Amino acid sequence: MFKLKELIKATEGILIGDFRDFLIKGISIDSRTIKRQQAFVAIKGKNFDGHDFIKEAIAKGASCVIIEKLSDIKTKIPFIKVKDTIKALGDIARFQRRRFDLPVIAVTGSNGKTTTKEMLAFVLSRRFKVLKNEGTKNNQIGLPLSLFELSHNYKIAVLELGTNHIGEIDYLSKICLPNLGIITNIGPSHLEYLGSLEGVFKEKYSLIENLKEPYLGFLNADDRFLRTKIDNKTLKPFIISFGIKNNADFSASKIKVSQNKVEFQVNQKYKVSLNTLGYHNVYNTLAVIAVARIFGLNYKEIILSLKEFQFPAGRLRLIKLNNINFIDDTYNSNPLSLREALNTLRNLTIRGRKIFIMGDMLELGNLSNRFHYQAGPEVASTCDVLITVGELSRLTAEMVNKLGFNRNNIFICNSSMEARDVLFNKITPDKNDIVLVKGSRAIQMERVFRK
């Protein structure tokens, strides 16, 4: 709940009209789901304008409306005028965060942040009531909405922070005020807006620079950018490292990858088993173990939770459709995650063919063509059949063809539904084959699985 005067103070807004202070029972940006006595924030997006739905929100019982452009609607409820309603949403979320004296753990990185967030929340929930942002509500709208769920029932918050523009991690960090920060890795993602790997590193590392007491950062020791911060340890922030190849505070050894399981030892002592195909999930797990140990969980309960954890859909998840084995990695794609997916496919021992349905990797800016060409050799050495979806992946197919790949096993499609038709009507896989499906969100590669 908020008082009217608290919303005005948090947003630095101007109250329109003369109203006495009263309680507001929450914040909403959706006129379709708003509840009585909530404040309606008229968000202005690319494809819609919340100001067009003010009347609907009021009719459903909104007790206050936050706007950035004046309205001629006659009403008996207060309006708060602000410069930017999206920023106002974040300002209110920051006010909400400051009400609660609980540790906030923020997770970011080019790959693995959602899996790490989900896994960490699952493990910590063994001892604590944990708030997490559902799905990928990790941006300047989703993160505030997650913080509005905070209550005194929660003991820890685990929040994923996403970015595709410079300054977003800094902005989100200043909203959620994290005490602990995890960076999974630095890779070529969102280069269209972040410019370079150095730009990605600078953007992601702003999470660590914004930490609050006790200022604990958890960094991947095998990442060449993050390693520089580990080598130059300071007391504030205090860095805890995790890795496989380089020395780290939490390290993995004796890693074994099988058809549906990854096993390894932590610090050469504790055996961990994961329900996943992905070798790279060892890194995510090490970060989770490091944080869980900080919060007092013992290895026995951590390992048991990890064994029970089910990895999120669309992230190297083995599924069956029409008696065919698929690796569903449709959540997103960039050069680093593509390499990890191909490594997973390469390491699988099967009796049949390895089929790869590849969608475009987006938001790579001027390097888009280069990254798709560069994927060619890895694709050619890994799969037996290649189906591409989109103009950029067509470049990968061209490179694979130049490398002497059987032309009859290369199929170029314009959509994921066309790729589905090719798969089931031309290639006709059987139970001995395995099909990897991967691409950026906008390509909608999950449509391959539609019945």
Protein backbone atom coordinates (compact mmCIF):
# COMPACT_ATOMS: atom_id res chain seq x y z
CA MET A 1 0.00 0.00 0.00
CA PHE A 2 1.04 3.60 -0.63
CA LYS A 3 -0.21 6.93 0.59
CA LEU A 4 -1.04 9.48 -2.09
CA LYS A 5 1.63 11.82 -0.75
CA GLU A 6 4.21 9.00 -0.95
CA LEU A 7 3.57 8.55 -4.67
CA ILE A 8 3.88 12.29 -5.22
CA LYS A 9 7.16 12.37 -3.30
CA ALA A 10 8.59 9.26 -4.97
CA THR A 11 7.83 10.46 -8.49
CA GLU A 12 8.43 14.18 -7.84
CA GLY A 13 5.07 14.62 -9.55
CA ILE A 14 2.52 17.40 -9.43
CA LEU A 15 -0.90 16.69 -7.94
CA ILE A 16 -3.72 17.92 -10.15
CA GLY A 17 -6.63 19.04 -7.99
CA ASP A 18 -7.11 19.35 -4.25
CA PHE A 19 -7.28 15.94 -2.57
CA ARG A 20 -6.76 14.71 0.96
CA ASP A 21 -4.18 12.00 1.57
CA PHE A 22 -5.47 8.40 1.40
CA LEU A 23 -4.26 4.83 0.95
CA ILE A 24 -3.65 3.29 -2.48
CA LYS A 25 -3.69 -0.51 -2.65
CA GLY A 26 -1.04 -1.13 -5.27
CA ILE A 27 0.23 -0.13 -8.71
CA SER A 28 -1.02 -1.25 -12.13
CA ILE A 29 -0.07 -0.48 -15.73
CA ASP A 30 -2.81 -2.62 -17.28
CA SER A 31 -6.38 -1.32 -17.44
CA ARG A 32 -7.61 -4.85 -18.18
CA THR A 33 -6.39 -6.32 -14.88
CA ILE A 34 -6.35 -3.30 -12.57
CA LYS A 35 -7.98 -3.83 -9.17
CA ARG A 36 -10.08 -1.41 -7.18
CA GLN A 37 -8.15 1.30 -5.30
CA GLN A 38 -4.93 0.74 -7.26
CA ALA A 39 -3.03 3.55 -8.95
CA PHE A 40 -2.95 3.36 -12.76
CA VAL A 41 0.35 4.38 -14.36
CA ALA A 42 -0.25 5.41 -17.98
CA ILE A 43 2.81 3.87 -19.61
CA LYS A 44 3.65 5.09 -23.09
CA GLY A 45 5.17 2.25 -25.16
CA LYS A 46 6.11 1.64 -28.78
CA ASN A 47 2.82 0.08 -29.77
CA PHE A 48 0.38 1.52 -27.23
CA ASP A 49 -0.24 4.50 -24.99
CA GLY A 50 -1.67 3.94 -21.52
CA HIS A 51 -3.25 7.40 -21.67
CA ASP A 52 -5.77 5.92 -24.12
CA PHE A 53 -7.02 3.56 -21.39
CA ILE A 54 -7.43 5.97 -18.49
CA LYS A 55 -11.24 5.94 -18.68
CA GLU A 56 -11.28 2.14 -18.58
CA ALA A 57 -8.94 2.10 -15.57
CA ILE A 58 -11.13 4.59 -13.70
CA ALA A 59 -14.28 2.63 -14.54
CA LYS A 60 -12.69 -0.45 -12.98
CA GLY A 61 -11.93 1.36 -9.74
CA ALA A 62 -8.55 3.07 -10.09
CA SER A 63 -8.09 5.46 -7.16
CA CYS A 64 -5.32 7.53 -8.76
CA VAL A 65 -3.82 8.02 -12.22
CA ILE A 66 -0.19 8.90 -13.01
CA ILE A 67 0.18 10.67 -16.34
CA GLU A 68 2.79 12.50 -18.39
CA LYS A 69 0.41 14.45 -20.61
CA LEU A 70 -2.60 16.37 -19.39
CA SER A 71 -6.03 14.82 -19.77
CA ASP A 72 -9.40 16.50 -20.23
CA ILE A 73 -11.15 13.60 -18.46
CA LYS A 74 -13.47 14.87 -15.72
CA THR A 75 -13.01 12.74 -12.62
CA LYS A 76 -13.20 12.83 -8.85
CA ILE A 77 -9.91 10.95 -8.38
CA PRO A 78 -6.44 12.56 -8.27
CA PHE A 79 -4.05 12.72 -11.21
CA ILE A 80 -0.28 12.98 -10.69
CA LYS A 81 1.57 14.66 -13.55
CA VAL A 82 5.16 13.45 -14.15
CA LYS A 83 7.74 13.97 -16.90
CA ASP A 84 8.03 10.27 -17.77
CA THR A 85 5.63 7.57 -16.58
CA ILE A 86 8.14 4.74 -17.13
CA LYS A 87 10.63 6.55 -14.92
CA ALA A 88 7.84 7.23 -12.41
CA LEU A 89 7.17 3.48 -12.29
CA GLY A 90 10.83 2.90 -11.44
CA ASP A 91 10.82 5.70 -8.85
CA ILE A 92 7.87 4.12 -7.04
CA ALA A 93 9.57 0.69 -7.19
CA ARG A 94 12.72 2.17 -5.62
CA PHE A 95 10.58 3.67 -2.87
CA GLN A 96 9.03 0.23 -2.37
CA ARG A 97 12.45 -1.48 -2.24
CA ARG A 98 13.66 0.90 0.46
CA ARG A 99 10.78 -0.07 2.71
CA PHE A 100 12.18 -3.57 3.23
CA ASP A 101 15.38 -4.50 5.00
CA LEU A 102 16.15 -7.71 3.13
CA PRO A 103 19.07 -8.82 0.95
CA VAL A 104 18.57 -8.35 -2.77
CA ILE A 105 20.61 -10.53 -5.14
CA ALA A 106 20.80 -9.28 -8.74
CA VAL A 107 21.87 -11.48 -11.66
CA THR A 108 23.02 -10.36 -15.08
CA GLY A 109 25.25 -11.61 -17.90
CA SER A 110 25.15 -12.31 -21.62
CA ASN A 111 23.96 -15.90 -21.14
CA GLY A 112 22.55 -17.94 -18.29
CA LYS A 113 21.05 -15.19 -16.16
CA THR A 114 17.49 -16.54 -16.18
CA THR A 115 18.64 -20.09 -15.41
CA THR A 116 20.91 -18.81 -12.62
CA LYS A 117 18.12 -16.68 -11.16
CA GLU A 118 15.64 -19.56 -11.23
CA MET A 119 18.13 -22.05 -9.81
CA LEU A 120 19.27 -19.70 -7.04
CA ALA A 121 15.71 -18.87 -6.00
CA PHE A 122 14.89 -22.59 -5.94
CA VAL A 123 17.89 -23.49 -3.78
CA LEU A 124 17.45 -20.59 -1.34
CA SER A 125 13.74 -21.37 -0.97
CA ARG A 126 14.78 -24.47 0.94
CA ARG A 127 15.43 -22.14 3.89
CA PHE A 128 13.85 -18.79 3.00
CA LYS A 129 10.76 -17.31 1.36
CA VAL A 130 12.20 -15.87 -1.85
CA LEU A 131 10.83 -13.22 -4.21
CA LYS A 132 11.96 -13.53 -7.83
CA ASN A 133 10.93 -11.82 -11.03
CA GLU A 134 8.72 -14.26 -12.91
CA GLY A 135 9.86 -15.31 -16.35
CA THR A 136 12.03 -12.57 -17.79
CA LYS A 137 10.47 -9.49 -16.17
CA ASN A 138 13.95 -8.02 -16.11
CA ASN A 139 13.60 -4.62 -17.78
CA GLN A 140 12.56 -1.11 -16.78
CA ILE A 141 8.91 -2.16 -16.65
CA GLY A 142 9.13 -5.79 -15.54
CA LEU A 143 11.58 -5.20 -12.69
CA PRO A 144 9.45 -2.51 -10.96
CA LEU A 145 6.36 -4.71 -11.28
CA SER A 146 8.30 -7.50 -9.55
CA LEU A 147 9.35 -5.20 -6.71
CA PHE A 148 5.73 -4.24 -6.08
CA GLU A 149 5.25 -7.86 -4.95
CA LEU A 150 7.59 -7.32 -1.99
CA SER A 151 6.11 -7.87 1.46
CA HIS A 152 7.40 -8.63 4.94
CA ASN A 153 6.81 -12.31 4.23
CA TYR A 154 9.85 -12.41 1.93
CA LYS A 155 13.34 -12.83 3.39
CA ILE A 156 15.40 -12.61 0.17
CA ALA A 157 14.84 -11.24 -3.33
CA VAL A 158 16.56 -12.74 -6.39
CA LEU A 159 16.20 -10.47 -9.41
CA GLU A 160 17.37 -10.80 -12.99
CA LEU A 161 18.54 -7.62 -14.72
CA GLY A 162 18.48 -7.46 -18.52
CA THR A 163 19.79 -4.89 -20.95
CA ASN A 164 20.06 -4.09 -24.64
CA HIS A 165 20.96 -0.40 -24.36
CA ILE A 166 23.75 1.45 -22.60
CA GLY A 167 22.85 2.51 -19.07
CA GLU A 168 20.01 0.05 -18.41
CA ILE A 169 21.86 -2.08 -15.84
CA ASP A 170 22.92 1.08 -14.01
CA TYR A 171 19.30 2.29 -14.04
CA LEU A 172 17.85 -1.03 -12.88
CA SER A 173 20.48 -1.39 -10.17
CA LYS A 174 19.56 2.00 -8.80
CA ILE A 175 15.94 0.82 -8.58
CA CYS A 176 16.44 -2.55 -6.86
CA LEU A 177 19.51 -1.51 -4.77
CA PRO A 178 21.21 -4.95 -4.75
CA ASN A 179 23.50 -6.14 -1.97
CA LEU A 180 24.91 -9.07 -3.93
CA GLY A 181 25.53 -9.22 -7.67
CA ILE A 182 26.26 -12.11 -10.04
CA ILE A 183 27.64 -11.72 -13.56
CA THR A 184 27.52 -15.03 -15.41
CA ASN A 185 29.68 -14.07 -18.42
CA ILE A 186 30.42 -11.42 -21.05
CA GLY A 187 29.54 -12.32 -24.64
CA PRO A 188 28.52 -10.80 -27.99
CA SER A 189 24.89 -10.00 -27.21
CA HIS A 190 22.98 -6.82 -28.12
CA LEU A 191 26.02 -5.45 -29.97
CA GLU A 192 23.67 -3.40 -32.12
CA TYR A 193 23.29 -1.05 -29.14
CA LEU A 194 26.21 -1.91 -26.83
CA GLY A 195 28.77 -1.63 -29.64
CA SER A 196 31.47 -4.11 -28.64
CA LEU A 197 32.43 -6.73 -26.09
CA GLU A 198 34.06 -3.95 -24.09
CA GLY A 199 30.73 -2.13 -24.18
CA VAL A 200 28.92 -5.26 -22.98
CA PHE A 201 31.43 -5.64 -20.13
CA LYS A 202 31.10 -2.02 -19.05
CA GLU A 203 27.31 -2.28 -19.14
CA LYS A 204 27.13 -5.52 -17.15
CA TYR A 205 29.78 -4.53 -14.61
CA SER A 206 27.80 -1.46 -13.59
CA LEU A 207 25.78 -3.93 -11.48
CA ILE A 208 28.83 -4.53 -9.27
CA GLU A 209 29.58 -0.81 -9.12
CA ASN A 210 26.08 -0.17 -7.75
CA LEU A 211 26.13 -2.77 -4.96
CA LYS A 212 25.06 -1.83 -1.45
CA GLU A 213 26.44 -3.19 1.82
CA PRO A 214 27.92 -5.84 2.18
CA TYR A 215 29.00 -5.27 -1.48
CA LEU A 216 29.47 -8.91 -2.58
CA GLY A 217 30.15 -9.61 -6.25
CA PHE A 218 30.24 -13.09 -7.83
CA LEU A 219 32.20 -13.29 -11.08
CA ASN A 220 33.12 -15.96 -13.64
CA ALA A 221 36.87 -16.59 -13.33
CA ASP A 222 37.05 -18.07 -16.84
CA ASP A 223 35.69 -14.94 -18.52
CA ARG A 224 38.55 -12.81 -19.84
CA PHE A 225 36.81 -9.54 -19.01
CA LEU A 226 35.58 -10.47 -15.55
CA ARG A 227 38.92 -12.05 -14.70
CA THR A 228 40.52 -8.60 -14.62
CA LYS A 229 38.26 -7.62 -11.72
CA ILE A 230 39.01 -10.85 -9.87
CA ASP A 231 42.77 -10.37 -10.20
CA ASN A 232 42.48 -6.90 -8.69
CA LYS A 233 40.48 -7.80 -5.60
CA THR A 234 39.35 -5.03 -3.29
CA LEU A 235 37.41 -5.01 -0.04
CA LYS A 236 34.59 -3.02 -1.58
CA PRO A 237 33.12 -4.64 -3.54
CA PHE A 238 34.47 -7.96 -2.32
CA ILE A 239 34.68 -10.38 -5.25
CA ILE A 240 34.01 -14.12 -4.97
CA SER A 241 34.95 -16.14 -8.05
CA PHE A 242 33.65 -19.31 -9.70
CA GLY A 243 35.08 -21.24 -12.62
CA ILE A 244 36.40 -24.40 -14.22
CA LYS A 245 39.68 -23.60 -15.97
CA ASN A 246 41.22 -20.87 -13.79
CA ASN A 247 41.74 -20.78 -10.05
CA ALA A 248 38.52 -19.77 -8.33
CA ASP A 249 36.93 -19.71 -4.91
CA PHE A 250 34.33 -22.20 -6.15
CA SER A 251 35.64 -24.52 -8.86
CA ALA A 252 34.38 -27.56 -10.75
CA SER A 253 36.30 -30.68 -11.74
CA LYS A 254 35.64 -34.22 -13.00
CA ILE A 255 32.81 -32.94 -15.24
CA LYS A 256 30.79 -35.66 -16.99
CA VAL A 257 28.06 -34.94 -19.55
CA SER A 258 25.62 -37.72 -20.48
CA GLN A 259 22.39 -37.91 -22.47
CA ASN A 260 20.32 -36.02 -19.87
CA LYS A 261 22.62 -35.27 -16.96
CA VAL A 262 25.71 -33.25 -16.03
CA GLU A 263 27.81 -34.32 -13.04
CA PHE A 264 30.84 -32.65 -11.46
CA GLN A 265 32.68 -32.06 -8.20
CA VAL A 266 32.80 -28.75 -6.37
CA ASN A 267 36.19 -27.85 -4.90
CA GLN A 268 37.26 -31.48 -5.51
CA LYS A 269 35.00 -32.72 -2.73
CA TYR A 270 31.22 -32.42 -3.25
CA LYS A 271 29.48 -34.29 -6.09
CA VAL A 272 26.72 -32.39 -7.92
CA SER A 273 24.20 -33.81 -10.40
CA LEU A 274 22.08 -31.62 -12.74
CA ASN A 275 19.09 -32.49 -14.94
CA THR A 276 20.49 -30.77 -18.02
CA LEU A 277 22.38 -31.38 -21.24
CA GLY A 278 24.39 -28.16 -21.02
CA TYR A 279 28.04 -28.19 -19.91
CA HIS A 280 27.86 -24.41 -19.47
CA ASN A 281 25.31 -24.85 -16.69
CA VAL A 282 28.22 -25.87 -14.48
CA TYR A 283 29.12 -22.16 -14.33
CA ASN A 284 25.59 -21.13 -13.41
CA THR A 285 25.51 -23.79 -10.71
CA LEU A 286 28.84 -22.72 -9.21
CA ALA A 287 27.52 -19.17 -8.86
CA VAL A 288 24.41 -20.51 -7.13
CA ILE A 289 26.46 -22.65 -4.74
CA ALA A 290 28.68 -19.68 -3.86
CA VAL A 291 25.71 -17.48 -2.95
CA ALA A 292 23.89 -20.27 -1.12
CA ARG A 293 26.94 -20.88 1.07
CA ILE A 294 27.00 -17.16 1.96
CA PHE A 295 23.45 -17.57 3.24
CA GLY A 296 24.40 -20.52 5.41
CA LEU A 297 23.07 -23.48 3.42
CA ASN A 298 25.20 -26.60 3.79
CA TYR A 299 26.42 -28.61 0.82
CA LYS A 300 24.06 -31.51 1.49
CA GLU A 301 20.91 -29.41 1.16
CA ILE A 302 22.31 -27.40 -1.77
CA ILE A 303 23.18 -30.57 -3.71
CA LEU A 304 19.79 -32.11 -3.00
CA SER A 305 18.01 -28.99 -4.27
CA LEU A 306 20.15 -28.88 -7.41
CA LYS A 307 19.30 -32.51 -8.15
CA GLU A 308 15.58 -31.67 -7.94
CA PHE A 309 15.79 -28.46 -9.99
CA GLN A 310 14.06 -28.50 -13.38
CA PHE A 311 15.71 -26.21 -15.90
CA PRO A 312 13.55 -23.54 -17.59
CA ALA A 313 11.82 -24.30 -20.87
CA GLY A 314 13.60 -23.23 -24.03
CA ARG A 315 17.08 -23.61 -22.56
CA LEU A 316 18.74 -26.79 -23.83
CA ARG A 317 15.83 -28.86 -22.58
CA LEU A 318 15.37 -32.38 -23.93
CA ILE A 319 11.77 -32.97 -25.06
CA LYS A 320 9.93 -35.57 -27.15
CA LEU A 321 7.47 -34.82 -29.94
CA ASN A 322 5.99 -37.51 -32.17
CA ASN A 323 8.54 -39.94 -30.67
CA ILE A 324 11.41 -37.69 -31.84
CA ASN A 325 14.08 -36.31 -29.49
CA PHE A 326 14.40 -32.51 -29.57
CA ILE A 327 16.76 -30.16 -27.77
CA ASP A 328 14.65 -27.08 -27.14
CA ASP A 329 16.98 -24.06 -26.98
CA THR A 330 14.50 -21.62 -28.47
CA TYR A 331 14.55 -18.96 -25.77
CA ASN A 332 17.20 -16.84 -27.51
CA SER A 333 20.43 -16.93 -29.46
CA ASN A 334 23.75 -15.13 -29.72
CA PRO A 335 27.23 -16.31 -30.78
CA LEU A 336 28.21 -17.52 -27.29
CA SER A 337 25.00 -19.41 -26.57
CA LEU A 338 25.06 -20.87 -30.10
CA ARG A 339 28.55 -22.25 -29.46
CA GLU A 340 27.36 -23.78 -26.18
CA ALA A 341 24.36 -25.39 -27.87
CA LEU A 342 26.51 -26.84 -30.65
CA ASN A 343 28.98 -28.19 -28.09
CA THR A 344 26.08 -29.91 -26.36
CA LEU A 345 24.91 -31.46 -29.63
CA ARG A 346 28.45 -32.48 -30.57
CA ASN A 347 29.06 -34.28 -27.27
CA LEU A 348 25.91 -36.41 -27.51
CA THR A 349 26.41 -40.02 -28.60
CA ILE A 350 23.43 -41.18 -30.66
CA ARG A 351 22.69 -43.85 -33.25
CA GLY A 352 20.98 -41.55 -35.74
CA ARG A 353 21.45 -38.10 -37.31
CA LYS A 354 22.10 -34.78 -35.64
CA ILE A 355 19.73 -32.22 -37.14
CA PHE A 356 20.08 -28.50 -36.47
CA ILE A 357 17.27 -26.00 -37.10
CA MET A 358 18.97 -22.61 -36.82
CA GLY A 359 17.17 -19.27 -36.59
CA ASP A 360 18.80 -15.87 -37.00
CA MET A 361 20.85 -14.32 -34.19
CA LEU A 362 19.54 -10.76 -33.89
CA GLU A 363 20.75 -7.44 -32.42
CA LEU A 364 24.38 -7.99 -33.45
CA GLY A 365 24.64 -4.73 -35.38
CA ASN A 366 27.35 -4.38 -38.01
CA LEU A 367 28.84 -7.74 -37.02
CA SER A 368 25.69 -9.73 -37.83
CA ASN A 369 26.93 -11.10 -41.16
CA ARG A 370 30.37 -11.95 -39.77
CA PHE A 371 29.00 -13.90 -36.79
CA HIS A 372 26.68 -15.93 -39.01
CA TYR A 373 29.48 -16.76 -41.44
CA GLN A 374 31.79 -17.64 -38.55
CA ALA A 375 29.24 -20.11 -37.22
CA GLY A 376 29.60 -22.16 -40.41
CA PRO A 377 32.59 -24.36 -39.50
CA GLU A 378 31.16 -25.31 -36.09
CA VAL A 379 27.78 -26.11 -37.60
CA ALA A 380 29.33 -28.15 -40.41
CA SER A 381 31.46 -30.20 -38.00
CA THR A 382 28.56 -30.87 -35.63
CA CYS A 383 25.37 -31.70 -37.52
CA ASP A 384 24.32 -34.01 -40.34
CA VAL A 385 21.39 -31.91 -41.51
CA LEU A 386 21.00 -28.12 -41.39
CA ILE A 387 17.74 -26.17 -41.69
CA THR A 388 18.02 -22.39 -41.48
CA VAL A 389 15.32 -19.82 -40.74
CA GLY A 390 15.82 -16.19 -41.78
CA GLU A 391 18.08 -14.09 -43.98
CA LEU A 392 21.07 -14.09 -41.62
CA SER A 393 21.13 -17.85 -41.01
CA ARG A 394 21.13 -18.23 -44.80
CA LEU A 395 24.73 -16.93 -44.59
CA THR A 396 25.62 -19.81 -42.26
CA ALA A 397 24.12 -22.22 -44.80
CA GLU A 398 26.26 -20.64 -47.55
CA MET A 399 29.42 -21.15 -45.49
CA VAL A 400 28.46 -24.72 -44.60
CA ASN A 401 27.93 -25.42 -48.31
CA LYS A 402 31.37 -23.97 -49.15
CA LEU A 403 32.93 -26.32 -46.60
CA GLY A 404 31.76 -29.33 -48.61
CA PHE A 405 28.66 -30.21 -46.63
CA ASN A 406 26.19 -32.40 -48.53
CA ARG A 407 23.93 -29.94 -50.38
CA ASN A 408 21.02 -32.31 -50.13
CA ASN A 409 21.14 -31.92 -46.36
CA ILE A 410 20.91 -28.11 -46.35
CA PHE A 411 17.45 -26.49 -46.31
CA ILE A 412 16.82 -22.73 -46.32
CA CYS A 413 13.50 -21.47 -44.93
CA ASN A 414 11.84 -18.10 -44.40
CA SER A 415 9.88 -19.03 -41.26
CA SER A 416 9.94 -21.49 -38.38
CA MET A 417 6.66 -23.04 -39.60
CA GLU A 418 8.24 -23.66 -43.00
CA ALA A 419 11.18 -25.27 -41.20
CA ARG A 420 8.74 -27.49 -39.33
CA ASP A 421 7.21 -28.63 -42.61
CA VAL A 422 10.66 -29.40 -44.02
CA LEU A 423 11.58 -31.36 -40.90
CA PHE A 424 8.51 -33.58 -40.81
CA ASN A 425 7.75 -33.88 -44.53
CA LYS A 426 11.18 -33.99 -46.19
CA ILE A 427 13.72 -35.08 -43.57
CA THR A 428 11.32 -37.29 -41.56
CA PRO A 429 13.48 -37.89 -38.46
CA ASP A 430 13.05 -41.06 -36.41
CA LYS A 431 13.59 -42.03 -32.78
CA ASN A 432 17.35 -42.45 -33.30
CA ASP A 433 17.83 -38.86 -34.51
CA ILE A 434 18.08 -35.75 -32.37
CA VAL A 435 16.98 -32.25 -33.41
CA LEU A 436 18.45 -29.05 -31.95
CA VAL A 437 16.21 -25.99 -32.38
CA LYS A 438 17.67 -22.55 -31.63
CA GLY A 439 17.20 -18.90 -32.62
CA SER A 440 16.51 -15.41 -31.33
CA ARG A 441 13.15 -14.70 -29.69
CA ALA A 442 11.75 -12.70 -32.60
CA ILE A 443 12.19 -15.66 -34.97
CA GLN A 444 9.68 -17.71 -32.90
CA MET A 445 11.56 -20.97 -33.21
CA GLU A 446 9.26 -22.59 -30.63
CA ARG A 447 6.65 -22.85 -33.41
CA VAL A 448 8.61 -25.86 -34.69
CA PHE A 449 7.14 -27.81 -31.78
CA ARG A 450 3.51 -26.89 -32.47
CA LYS A 451 1.32 -29.87 -33.24
